Amino acid sequence: MASSRLVHEPGDPQANADGYVSYPYIDMAEQMTSMVRTSRAYEANMVAMNAARQMYSKALELGRRS
């Protein structure tokens, strides 16, 4: 995988002597896949945390009745 890509923009102040500007290589499909995967993992963790909190609350309720 390339670490950067060169774009011919001779008017850009960041251009090199040949008129090329170096931009970071970003694979949009890979970034979107990572974002969706991270979002789903976060959602699953929140569901698990809420379920655990409900179980702990119910256990405390049952403990008070004893």
C-alpha atoms as a PDB file:
ATOM      1  CA  MET A   1       0.000   0.000   0.000  1.00  0.00           C
ATOM      2  CA  ALA A   2       1.298   3.454  -0.897  1.00  0.00           C
ATOM      3  CA  SER A   3       1.897   5.864   1.960  1.00  0.00           C
ATOM      4  CA  SER A   4       1.102   8.942  -0.129  1.00  0.00           C
ATOM      5  CA  ARG A   5      -0.153   9.999  -3.533  1.00  0.00           C
ATOM      6  CA  LEU A   6       1.187  12.745  -5.765  1.00  0.00           C
ATOM      7  CA  VAL A   7      -1.171  15.215  -7.449  1.00  0.00           C
ATOM      8  CA  HIS A   8      -0.012  17.665 -10.098  1.00  0.00           C
ATOM      9  CA  GLU A   9      -0.934  21.110  -8.742  1.00  0.00           C
ATOM     10  CA  PRO A  10       1.759  23.534  -9.882  1.00  0.00           C
ATOM     11  CA  GLY A  11      -0.047  26.580  -8.373  1.00  0.00           C
ATOM     12  CA  ASP A  12      -0.121  25.121  -4.851  1.00  0.00           C
ATOM     13  CA  PRO A  13       2.419  26.651  -2.451  1.00  0.00           C
ATOM     14  CA  GLN A  14       3.176  23.144  -1.101  1.00  0.00           C
ATOM     15  CA  ALA A  15       4.102  21.818  -4.563  1.00  0.00           C
ATOM     16  CA  ASN A  16       7.609  20.471  -5.125  1.00  0.00           C
ATOM     17  CA  ALA A  17       9.933  21.614  -7.918  1.00  0.00           C
ATOM     18  CA  ASP A  18       8.039  19.454 -10.452  1.00  0.00           C
ATOM     19  CA  GLY A  19       4.642  20.897  -9.407  1.00  0.00           C
ATOM     20  CA  TYR A  20       3.420  17.873  -7.444  1.00  0.00           C
ATOM     21  CA  VAL A  21       1.782  17.965  -4.021  1.00  0.00           C
ATOM     22  CA  SER A  22       2.024  14.900  -1.769  1.00  0.00           C
ATOM     23  CA  TYR A  23      -1.233  13.858  -0.062  1.00  0.00           C
ATOM     24  CA  PRO A  24      -1.688  11.010   2.432  1.00  0.00           C
ATOM     25  CA  TYR A  25      -3.097   7.827   0.944  1.00  0.00           C
ATOM     26  CA  ILE A  26      -6.567   7.185   2.379  1.00  0.00           C
ATOM     27  CA  ASP A  27      -8.641   4.197   1.278  1.00  0.00           C
ATOM     28  CA  MET A  28     -12.219   5.380   1.767  1.00  0.00           C
ATOM     29  CA  ALA A  29     -13.717   1.866   1.553  1.00  0.00           C
ATOM     30  CA  GLU A  30     -11.354   0.639   4.259  1.00  0.00           C
ATOM     31  CA  GLN A  31     -12.098   3.653   6.448  1.00  0.00           C
ATOM     32  CA  MET A  32     -15.886   3.190   6.082  1.00  0.00           C
ATOM     33  CA  THR A  33     -15.599  -0.534   6.867  1.00  0.00           C
ATOM     34  CA  SER A  34     -13.602   0.247   9.979  1.00  0.00           C
ATOM     35  CA  MET A  35     -16.098   2.910  11.049  1.00  0.00           C
ATOM     36  CA  VAL A  36     -19.097   0.551  10.636  1.00  0.00           C
ATOM     37  CA  ARG A  37     -17.281  -2.258  12.490  1.00  0.00           C
ATOM     38  CA  THR A  38     -16.381   0.095  15.347  1.00  0.00           C
ATOM     39  CA  SER A  39     -19.927   1.446  15.543  1.00  0.00           C
ATOM     40  CA  ARG A  40     -21.394  -2.072  15.740  1.00  0.00           C
ATOM     41  CA  ALA A  41     -18.908  -3.130  18.405  1.00  0.00           C
ATOM     42  CA  TYR A  42     -19.776  -0.034  20.470  1.00  0.00           C
ATOM     43  CA  GLU A  43     -23.493  -0.764  20.117  1.00  0.00           C
ATOM     44  CA  ALA A  44     -23.002  -4.412  21.163  1.00  0.00           C
ATOM     45  CA  ASN A  45     -20.989  -3.315  24.205  1.00  0.00           C
ATOM     46  CA  MET A  46     -23.698  -0.855  25.226  1.00  0.00           C
ATOM     47  CA  VAL A  47     -26.388  -3.558  24.947  1.00  0.00           C
ATOM     48  CA  ALA A  48     -24.287  -5.937  27.049  1.00  0.00           C
ATOM     49  CA  MET A  49     -23.581  -3.232  29.645  1.00  0.00           C
ATOM     50  CA  ASN A  50     -27.280  -2.334  29.932  1.00  0.00           C
ATOM     51  CA  ALA A  51     -28.238  -6.004  30.300  1.00  0.00           C
ATOM     52  CA  ALA A  52     -25.649  -6.448  33.061  1.00  0.00           C
ATOM     53  CA  ARG A  53     -26.888  -3.323  34.821  1.00  0.00           C
ATOM     54  CA  GLN A  54     -30.473  -4.636  34.710  1.00  0.00           C
ATOM     55  CA  MET A  55     -29.353  -8.015  36.092  1.00  0.00           C
ATOM     56  CA  TYR A  56     -27.423  -6.357  38.931  1.00  0.00           C
ATOM     57  CA  SER A  57     -30.421  -4.166  39.778  1.00  0.00           C
ATOM     58  CA  LYS A  58     -32.714  -7.181  39.812  1.00  0.00           C
ATOM     59  CA  ALA A  59     -30.261  -9.104  42.039  1.00  0.00           C
ATOM     60  CA  LEU A  60     -30.182  -6.170  44.485  1.00  0.00           C
ATOM     61  CA  GLU A  61     -33.976  -6.083  44.473  1.00  0.00           C
ATOM     62  CA  LEU A  62     -34.158  -9.796  45.234  1.00  0.00           C
ATOM     63  CA  GLY A  63     -31.537  -9.418  47.982  1.00  0.00           C
ATOM     64  CA  ARG A  64     -33.591  -6.721  49.708  1.00  0.00           C
ATOM     65  CA  ARG A  65     -36.652  -8.967  49.829  1.00  0.00           C
ATOM     66  CA  SER A  66     -34.796 -11.724  51.673  1.00  0.00           C
END
